[in-house]
Amino acid sequence: MSEATPQRRAAALAYDAEERRARGAPRVVAKGAGFVADEIIERARAAGVPIHASRELVDLLVQVDLDRQIPPALYVAVAEVLAWVYRLEGRAAAHNEGR
């Protein structure tokens, strides 16, 4: 890769029901660049996990240690992504009910 072409980076978050009950924040469960980023994205696609592209957010998430909760400074940005995911899931559920 040349300096003009930045290496692809990715981060994956987990946020489950137990964490919500405990008032925990989403955790960074995978992160990486290049081949690792491609693998994270491919596994997400294969599992049907929505993928949101935000270079700025990824730049911040890859600084968080693995299996650590996101810092409070990222709550609003991640909440916006989670809201986007919930809207996508709601549309998919409504589409499937209409079949």
C-alpha atoms as a PDB file:
ATOM      1  CA  MET A   1       0.000   0.000   0.000  1.00  0.00           C
ATOM      2  CA  SER A   2       1.155   3.480  -0.714  1.00  0.00           C
ATOM      3  CA  GLU A   3       1.053   6.331   1.741  1.00  0.00           C
ATOM      4  CA  ALA A   4      -1.827   7.822  -0.260  1.00  0.00           C
ATOM      5  CA  THR A   5      -3.955   4.705   0.351  1.00  0.00           C
ATOM      6  CA  PRO A   6      -4.680   4.259   4.043  1.00  0.00           C
ATOM      7  CA  GLN A   7      -4.826   0.692   5.316  1.00  0.00           C
ATOM      8  CA  ARG A   8      -8.356  -0.504   6.083  1.00  0.00           C
ATOM      9  CA  ARG A   9      -9.116  -0.634   9.805  1.00  0.00           C
ATOM     10  CA  ALA A  10     -12.057  -2.146  11.636  1.00  0.00           C
ATOM     11  CA  ALA A  11     -13.411  -2.574  15.134  1.00  0.00           C
ATOM     12  CA  ALA A  12     -16.238  -4.728  16.429  1.00  0.00           C
ATOM     13  CA  LEU A  13     -18.402  -3.979  19.442  1.00  0.00           C
ATOM     14  CA  ALA A  14     -20.495  -6.253  21.648  1.00  0.00           C
ATOM     15  CA  TYR A  15     -23.406  -5.079  23.754  1.00  0.00           C
ATOM     16  CA  ASP A  16     -25.634  -7.735  25.225  1.00  0.00           C
ATOM     17  CA  ALA A  17     -28.609  -7.883  27.572  1.00  0.00           C
ATOM     18  CA  GLU A  18     -26.485  -8.633  30.658  1.00  0.00           C
ATOM     19  CA  GLU A  19     -24.339  -5.559  30.041  1.00  0.00           C
ATOM     20  CA  ARG A  20     -27.452  -3.408  29.630  1.00  0.00           C
ATOM     21  CA  ARG A  21     -28.862  -4.670  32.943  1.00  0.00           C
ATOM     22  CA  ALA A  22     -25.540  -3.943  34.650  1.00  0.00           C
ATOM     23  CA  ARG A  23     -25.503  -0.508  32.997  1.00  0.00           C
ATOM     24  CA  GLY A  24     -22.301  -1.386  31.228  1.00  0.00           C
ATOM     25  CA  ALA A  25     -21.150   0.159  28.006  1.00  0.00           C
ATOM     26  CA  PRO A  26     -20.447  -1.682  24.749  1.00  0.00           C
ATOM     27  CA  ARG A  27     -17.100  -3.504  24.644  1.00  0.00           C
ATOM     28  CA  VAL A  28     -14.499  -3.640  21.893  1.00  0.00           C
ATOM     29  CA  VAL A  29     -14.307  -7.339  21.015  1.00  0.00           C
ATOM     30  CA  ALA A  30     -12.172  -7.167  17.863  1.00  0.00           C
ATOM     31  CA  LYS A  31      -9.992  -4.604  16.152  1.00  0.00           C
ATOM     32  CA  GLY A  32      -7.277  -4.498  13.584  1.00  0.00           C
ATOM     33  CA  ALA A  33      -5.885  -3.250  10.291  1.00  0.00           C
ATOM     34  CA  GLY A  34      -5.262  -4.756   6.869  1.00  0.00           C
ATOM     35  CA  PHE A  35      -5.958  -8.491   6.745  1.00  0.00           C
ATOM     36  CA  VAL A  36      -7.345  -8.510  10.295  1.00  0.00           C
ATOM     37  CA  ALA A  37      -9.773  -5.695   9.427  1.00  0.00           C
ATOM     38  CA  ASP A  38     -10.850  -7.550   6.293  1.00  0.00           C
ATOM     39  CA  GLU A  39     -11.471 -10.679   8.368  1.00  0.00           C
ATOM     40  CA  ILE A  40     -13.524  -8.750  10.955  1.00  0.00           C
ATOM     41  CA  ILE A  41     -15.663  -7.300   8.169  1.00  0.00           C
ATOM     42  CA  GLU A  42     -16.063 -10.650   6.390  1.00  0.00           C
ATOM     43  CA  ARG A  43     -17.097 -12.440   9.596  1.00  0.00           C
ATOM     44  CA  ALA A  44     -19.597  -9.693  10.387  1.00  0.00           C
ATOM     45  CA  ARG A  45     -21.109  -9.982   6.903  1.00  0.00           C
ATOM     46  CA  ALA A  46     -21.271 -13.781   7.169  1.00  0.00           C
ATOM     47  CA  ALA A  47     -23.059 -13.497  10.515  1.00  0.00           C
ATOM     48  CA  GLY A  48     -25.493 -10.889   9.221  1.00  0.00           C
ATOM     49  CA  VAL A  49     -24.113  -8.198  11.523  1.00  0.00           C
ATOM     50  CA  PRO A  50     -24.676  -4.652  10.243  1.00  0.00           C
ATOM     51  CA  ILE A  51     -21.498  -2.829   9.243  1.00  0.00           C
ATOM     52  CA  HIS A  52     -21.259   0.914   9.771  1.00  0.00           C
ATOM     53  CA  ALA A  53     -18.442   2.801   8.059  1.00  0.00           C
ATOM     54  CA  SER A  54     -16.988   5.691  10.035  1.00  0.00           C
ATOM     55  CA  ARG A  55     -13.245   6.212   9.757  1.00  0.00           C
ATOM     56  CA  GLU A  56     -13.256   8.702  12.626  1.00  0.00           C
ATOM     57  CA  LEU A  57     -15.072   6.345  15.008  1.00  0.00           C
ATOM     58  CA  VAL A  58     -12.861   3.387  14.067  1.00  0.00           C
ATOM     59  CA  ASP A  59      -9.770   5.520  14.690  1.00  0.00           C
ATOM     60  CA  LEU A  60     -11.008   6.062  18.242  1.00  0.00           C
ATOM     61  CA  LEU A  61     -12.241   2.507  18.852  1.00  0.00           C
ATOM     62  CA  VAL A  62      -8.954   0.873  17.878  1.00  0.00           C
ATOM     63  CA  GLN A  63      -7.327   2.805  20.724  1.00  0.00           C
ATOM     64  CA  VAL A  64      -9.534   0.972  23.271  1.00  0.00           C
ATOM     65  CA  ASP A  65      -8.045  -2.229  24.705  1.00  0.00           C
ATOM     66  CA  LEU A  66      -9.715  -5.472  23.663  1.00  0.00           C
ATOM     67  CA  ASP A  67     -12.602  -6.624  25.860  1.00  0.00           C
ATOM     68  CA  ARG A  68     -12.790  -3.180  27.477  1.00  0.00           C
ATOM     69  CA  GLN A  69     -15.836  -0.957  27.577  1.00  0.00           C
ATOM     70  CA  ILE A  70     -15.819   2.098  25.377  1.00  0.00           C
ATOM     71  CA  PRO A  71     -14.919   5.296  27.226  1.00  0.00           C
ATOM     72  CA  PRO A  72     -17.660   7.793  28.117  1.00  0.00           C
ATOM     73  CA  ALA A  73     -16.340  10.189  25.463  1.00  0.00           C
ATOM     74  CA  LEU A  74     -17.573   7.723  22.802  1.00  0.00           C
ATOM     75  CA  TYR A  75     -21.044   7.052  24.281  1.00  0.00           C
ATOM     76  CA  VAL A  76     -22.905   9.485  22.004  1.00  0.00           C
ATOM     77  CA  ALA A  77     -21.190   8.356  18.803  1.00  0.00           C
ATOM     78  CA  VAL A  78     -21.713   4.670  19.597  1.00  0.00           C
ATOM     79  CA  ALA A  79     -25.314   5.306  20.687  1.00  0.00           C
ATOM     80  CA  GLU A  80     -25.968   6.843  17.263  1.00  0.00           C
ATOM     81  CA  VAL A  81     -24.554   3.724  15.581  1.00  0.00           C
ATOM     82  CA  LEU A  82     -26.636   1.448  17.833  1.00  0.00           C
ATOM     83  CA  ALA A  83     -29.756   3.464  16.999  1.00  0.00           C
ATOM     84  CA  TRP A  84     -28.948   2.992  13.299  1.00  0.00           C
ATOM     85  CA  VAL A  85     -28.593  -0.771  13.849  1.00  0.00           C
ATOM     86  CA  TYR A  86     -31.915  -0.958  15.729  1.00  0.00           C
ATOM     87  CA  ARG A  87     -33.637   0.922  12.886  1.00  0.00           C
ATOM     88  CA  LEU A  88     -32.153  -1.506  10.364  1.00  0.00           C
ATOM     89  CA  GLU A  89     -33.281  -4.485  12.427  1.00  0.00           C
ATOM     90  CA  GLY A  90     -36.752  -2.977  12.794  1.00  0.00           C
ATOM     91  CA  ARG A  91     -37.071  -2.520   9.034  1.00  0.00           C
ATOM     92  CA  ALA A  92     -35.881  -6.072   8.425  1.00  0.00           C
ATOM     93  CA  ALA A  93     -38.385  -7.461  10.946  1.00  0.00           C
ATOM     94  CA  ALA A  94     -41.230  -5.450   9.400  1.00  0.00           C
ATOM     95  CA  HIS A  95     -40.211  -6.641   5.934  1.00  0.00           C
ATOM     96  CA  ASN A  96     -40.161 -10.278   7.101  1.00  0.00           C
ATOM     97  CA  GLU A  97     -43.592  -9.956   8.742  1.00  0.00           C
ATOM     98  CA  GLY A  98     -45.029  -8.737   5.453  1.00  0.00           C
ATOM     99  CA  ARG A  99     -44.094 -11.967   3.687  1.00  0.00           C
END
